Amino acid sequence: MSEPMNIARVRWACRRGMLELDVLFQPFVETQYEQLSIDDKAVFVRLLECEDPELFAWFMGHEACPDPQLADMVVKVRGRAAP
């Protein structure tokens, strides 16, 4: 499992090539990342290592994420973005 990065590197990794992903990741990192457990931080970092089209498909519900840990993190991030 990837080790958690420092917050500055996580913020940088949240800058994506798709605005839709930026809108999801950046607020999550600013408000939720520090409260995550070490294990969840590592899962979030693994999520950030995925390709943008894959992430977009998972977050928009076009495809199911095959990794249960990543799928749970997608739900957490989407839950933060919900009004």
N, C-alpha and C. Protein backbone atom coordinates (compact mmCIF):
# COMPACT_ATOMS: atom_id res chain seq x y z
N MET A 1 0.85 -1.18 0.00
CA MET A 1 0.00 0.00 0.00
C MET A 1 0.89 1.24 0.00
N SER A 2 0.52 2.24 -0.76
CA SER A 2 1.30 3.48 -0.79
C SER A 2 1.27 4.16 0.56
N GLU A 3 2.38 4.81 0.90
CA GLU A 3 2.42 5.55 2.16
C GLU A 3 1.79 6.91 1.96
N PRO A 4 1.16 7.44 3.02
CA PRO A 4 0.59 8.78 2.90
C PRO A 4 1.68 9.81 2.60
N MET A 5 1.35 10.76 1.75
CA MET A 5 2.27 11.84 1.43
C MET A 5 2.00 13.00 2.36
N ASN A 6 2.95 13.95 2.40
CA ASN A 6 2.65 15.14 3.18
C ASN A 6 1.56 15.92 2.46
N ILE A 7 0.91 16.80 3.18
CA ILE A 7 -0.28 17.49 2.67
C ILE A 7 0.02 18.32 1.42
N ALA A 8 1.17 18.92 1.33
CA ALA A 8 1.50 19.72 0.15
C ALA A 8 1.56 18.84 -1.11
N ARG A 9 2.13 17.67 -0.98
CA ARG A 9 2.20 16.75 -2.13
C ARG A 9 0.82 16.22 -2.48
N VAL A 10 -0.01 15.99 -1.49
CA VAL A 10 -1.37 15.51 -1.75
C VAL A 10 -2.15 16.60 -2.49
N ARG A 11 -2.03 17.84 -2.02
CA ARG A 11 -2.71 18.95 -2.71
C ARG A 11 -2.27 19.03 -4.17
N TRP A 12 -0.97 18.90 -4.39
CA TRP A 12 -0.45 18.96 -5.76
C TRP A 12 -1.00 17.81 -6.60
N ALA A 13 -1.04 16.62 -6.03
CA ALA A 13 -1.54 15.44 -6.75
C ALA A 13 -3.04 15.56 -7.07
N CYS A 14 -3.74 16.39 -6.32
CA CYS A 14 -5.18 16.59 -6.56
C CYS A 14 -5.44 17.48 -7.76
N ARG A 15 -4.43 18.15 -8.24
CA ARG A 15 -4.57 18.98 -9.44
C ARG A 15 -4.56 18.05 -10.64
N ARG A 16 -5.70 17.92 -11.26
CA ARG A 16 -5.87 16.94 -12.33
C ARG A 16 -6.02 17.63 -13.67
N GLY A 17 -6.12 16.84 -14.71
CA GLY A 17 -6.34 17.37 -16.04
C GLY A 17 -7.80 17.60 -16.34
N MET A 18 -8.68 17.22 -15.41
CA MET A 18 -10.12 17.38 -15.61
C MET A 18 -10.70 18.22 -14.49
N LEU A 19 -11.38 19.28 -14.85
CA LEU A 19 -11.98 20.16 -13.86
C LEU A 19 -12.93 19.40 -12.95
N GLU A 20 -13.67 18.44 -13.50
CA GLU A 20 -14.63 17.67 -12.70
C GLU A 20 -13.94 16.96 -11.54
N LEU A 21 -12.72 16.49 -11.76
CA LEU A 21 -11.98 15.81 -10.69
C LEU A 21 -11.40 16.82 -9.71
N ASP A 22 -10.92 17.95 -10.21
CA ASP A 22 -10.43 19.01 -9.32
C ASP A 22 -11.51 19.42 -8.33
N VAL A 23 -12.73 19.56 -8.83
CA VAL A 23 -13.85 20.01 -8.00
C VAL A 23 -14.18 18.98 -6.91
N LEU A 24 -13.90 17.74 -7.16
CA LEU A 24 -14.11 16.71 -6.15
C LEU A 24 -12.94 16.60 -5.17
N PHE A 25 -11.74 16.53 -5.70
CA PHE A 25 -10.57 16.26 -4.87
C PHE A 25 -10.14 17.43 -3.99
N GLN A 26 -10.08 18.61 -4.54
CA GLN A 26 -9.52 19.73 -3.78
C GLN A 26 -10.31 20.05 -2.50
N PRO A 27 -11.64 20.16 -2.56
CA PRO A 27 -12.37 20.40 -1.31
C PRO A 27 -12.22 19.25 -0.30
N PHE A 28 -12.18 18.02 -0.82
CA PHE A 28 -12.02 16.87 0.07
C PHE A 28 -10.70 16.96 0.83
N VAL A 29 -9.64 17.28 0.12
CA VAL A 29 -8.32 17.38 0.77
C VAL A 29 -8.31 18.51 1.79
N GLU A 30 -8.92 19.62 1.45
CA GLU A 30 -8.92 20.77 2.36
C GLU A 30 -9.73 20.54 3.63
N THR A 31 -10.78 19.74 3.53
CA THR A 31 -11.66 19.60 4.70
C THR A 31 -11.63 18.23 5.36
N GLN A 32 -11.21 17.19 4.64
CA GLN A 32 -11.34 15.83 5.18
C GLN A 32 -10.04 15.06 5.32
N TYR A 33 -9.06 15.32 4.50
CA TYR A 33 -7.86 14.49 4.44
C TYR A 33 -7.17 14.34 5.79
N GLU A 34 -6.98 15.42 6.49
CA GLU A 34 -6.26 15.36 7.77
C GLU A 34 -6.98 14.50 8.81
N GLN A 35 -8.30 14.36 8.69
CA GLN A 35 -9.06 13.55 9.65
C GLN A 35 -9.08 12.07 9.31
N LEU A 36 -8.59 11.71 8.13
CA LEU A 36 -8.56 10.30 7.74
C LEU A 36 -7.55 9.52 8.58
N SER A 37 -7.82 8.25 8.74
CA SER A 37 -6.84 7.37 9.39
C SER A 37 -5.62 7.22 8.48
N ILE A 38 -4.53 6.73 9.01
CA ILE A 38 -3.33 6.50 8.21
C ILE A 38 -3.65 5.57 7.04
N ASP A 39 -4.41 4.52 7.31
CA ASP A 39 -4.78 3.58 6.24
C ASP A 39 -5.61 4.25 5.16
N ASP A 40 -6.59 5.07 5.57
CA ASP A 40 -7.42 5.77 4.59
C ASP A 40 -6.61 6.80 3.80
N LYS A 41 -5.65 7.44 4.45
CA LYS A 41 -4.79 8.37 3.73
C LYS A 41 -4.01 7.63 2.64
N ALA A 42 -3.54 6.45 2.97
CA ALA A 42 -2.80 5.64 1.98
C ALA A 42 -3.72 5.23 0.83
N VAL A 43 -4.96 4.90 1.13
CA VAL A 43 -5.91 4.54 0.08
C VAL A 43 -6.19 5.75 -0.80
N PHE A 44 -6.35 6.92 -0.19
CA PHE A 44 -6.59 8.13 -0.97
C PHE A 44 -5.41 8.42 -1.90
N VAL A 45 -4.21 8.25 -1.41
CA VAL A 45 -3.02 8.45 -2.24
C VAL A 45 -3.03 7.44 -3.40
N ARG A 46 -3.40 6.19 -3.14
CA ARG A 46 -3.51 5.21 -4.23
C ARG A 46 -4.55 5.64 -5.26
N LEU A 47 -5.64 6.21 -4.77
CA LEU A 47 -6.68 6.70 -5.67
C LEU A 47 -6.12 7.79 -6.58
N LEU A 48 -5.31 8.67 -6.01
CA LEU A 48 -4.72 9.76 -6.80
C LEU A 48 -3.73 9.24 -7.85
N GLU A 49 -3.24 8.03 -7.68
CA GLU A 49 -2.31 7.44 -8.64
C GLU A 49 -3.02 6.88 -9.87
N CYS A 50 -4.34 6.81 -9.83
CA CYS A 50 -5.11 6.29 -10.96
C CYS A 50 -5.20 7.33 -12.06
N GLU A 51 -5.50 6.86 -13.26
CA GLU A 51 -5.62 7.74 -14.43
C GLU A 51 -6.94 8.50 -14.40
N ASP A 52 -6.92 9.72 -14.94
CA ASP A 52 -8.10 10.57 -14.93
C ASP A 52 -9.34 9.93 -15.57
N PRO A 53 -9.24 9.32 -16.75
CA PRO A 53 -10.45 8.73 -17.34
C PRO A 53 -11.08 7.64 -16.46
N GLU A 54 -10.22 6.87 -15.81
CA GLU A 54 -10.68 5.83 -14.90
C GLU A 54 -11.40 6.47 -13.70
N LEU A 55 -10.77 7.47 -13.12
CA LEU A 55 -11.37 8.18 -11.98
C LEU A 55 -12.71 8.80 -12.36
N PHE A 56 -12.73 9.46 -13.51
CA PHE A 56 -13.96 10.10 -13.98
C PHE A 56 -15.09 9.07 -14.09
N ALA A 57 -14.80 7.92 -14.67
CA ALA A 57 -15.81 6.87 -14.83
C ALA A 57 -16.32 6.40 -13.48
N TRP A 58 -15.43 6.25 -12.51
CA TRP A 58 -15.85 5.79 -11.18
C TRP A 58 -16.68 6.85 -10.47
N PHE A 59 -16.23 8.09 -10.50
CA PHE A 59 -16.93 9.15 -9.78
C PHE A 59 -18.27 9.50 -10.41
N MET A 60 -18.37 9.37 -11.71
CA MET A 60 -19.63 9.68 -12.39
C MET A 60 -20.57 8.48 -12.42
N GLY A 61 -20.11 7.34 -11.93
CA GLY A 61 -20.95 6.15 -11.87
C GLY A 61 -21.08 5.41 -13.19
N HIS A 62 -20.21 5.71 -14.14
CA HIS A 62 -20.24 5.02 -15.43
C HIS A 62 -19.66 3.61 -15.33
N GLU A 63 -18.75 3.41 -14.39
CA GLU A 63 -18.13 2.11 -14.17
C GLU A 63 -17.97 1.91 -12.66
N ALA A 64 -17.95 0.65 -12.27
CA ALA A 64 -17.68 0.32 -10.87
C ALA A 64 -16.17 0.16 -10.69
N CYS A 65 -15.65 0.68 -9.62
CA CYS A 65 -14.24 0.51 -9.31
C CYS A 65 -14.01 -0.93 -8.87
N PRO A 66 -13.05 -1.64 -9.48
CA PRO A 66 -12.84 -3.05 -9.15
C PRO A 66 -12.15 -3.27 -7.80
N ASP A 67 -11.50 -2.26 -7.26
CA ASP A 67 -10.79 -2.38 -5.98
C ASP A 67 -11.72 -1.90 -4.86
N PRO A 68 -12.08 -2.78 -3.92
CA PRO A 68 -13.03 -2.40 -2.87
C PRO A 68 -12.57 -1.21 -2.01
N GLN A 69 -11.28 -1.14 -1.71
CA GLN A 69 -10.78 -0.02 -0.91
C GLN A 69 -10.91 1.29 -1.68
N LEU A 70 -10.54 1.28 -2.94
CA LEU A 70 -10.66 2.48 -3.76
C LEU A 70 -12.13 2.85 -3.95
N ALA A 71 -12.98 1.84 -4.12
CA ALA A 71 -14.41 2.10 -4.29
C ALA A 71 -14.98 2.79 -3.05
N ASP A 72 -14.57 2.34 -1.87
CA ASP A 72 -15.02 2.98 -0.63
C ASP A 72 -14.54 4.43 -0.55
N MET A 73 -13.31 4.68 -1.00
CA MET A 73 -12.79 6.05 -0.97
C MET A 73 -13.54 6.92 -1.97
N VAL A 74 -13.90 6.38 -3.12
CA VAL A 74 -14.70 7.13 -4.09
C VAL A 74 -16.01 7.57 -3.43
N VAL A 75 -16.63 6.67 -2.69
CA VAL A 75 -17.88 7.00 -1.98
C VAL A 75 -17.64 8.11 -0.97
N LYS A 76 -16.55 8.04 -0.23
CA LYS A 76 -16.23 9.09 0.76
C LYS A 76 -16.04 10.44 0.10
N VAL A 77 -15.28 10.46 -0.98
CA VAL A 77 -15.02 11.73 -1.67
C VAL A 77 -16.31 12.27 -2.28
N ARG A 78 -17.09 11.42 -2.90
CA ARG A 78 -18.38 11.84 -3.47
C ARG A 78 -19.32 12.33 -2.39
N GLY A 79 -19.29 11.68 -1.24
CA GLY A 79 -20.14 12.10 -0.12
C GLY A 79 -19.81 13.50 0.35
N ARG A 80 -18.55 13.85 0.30
CA ARG A 80 -18.12 15.21 0.69
C ARG A 80 -18.63 16.22 -0.31
N ALA A 81 -18.73 15.84 -1.57
CA ALA A 81 -19.13 16.76 -2.63
C ALA A 81 -20.65 16.94 -2.69
N ALA A 82 -21.40 16.03 -2.06
CA ALA A 82 -22.86 16.11 -2.10
C ALA A 82 -23.34 17.36 -1.35
N PRO A 83 -24.40 18.01 -1.85
CA PRO A 83 -24.90 19.22 -1.18
C PRO A 83 -25.52 18.93 0.16
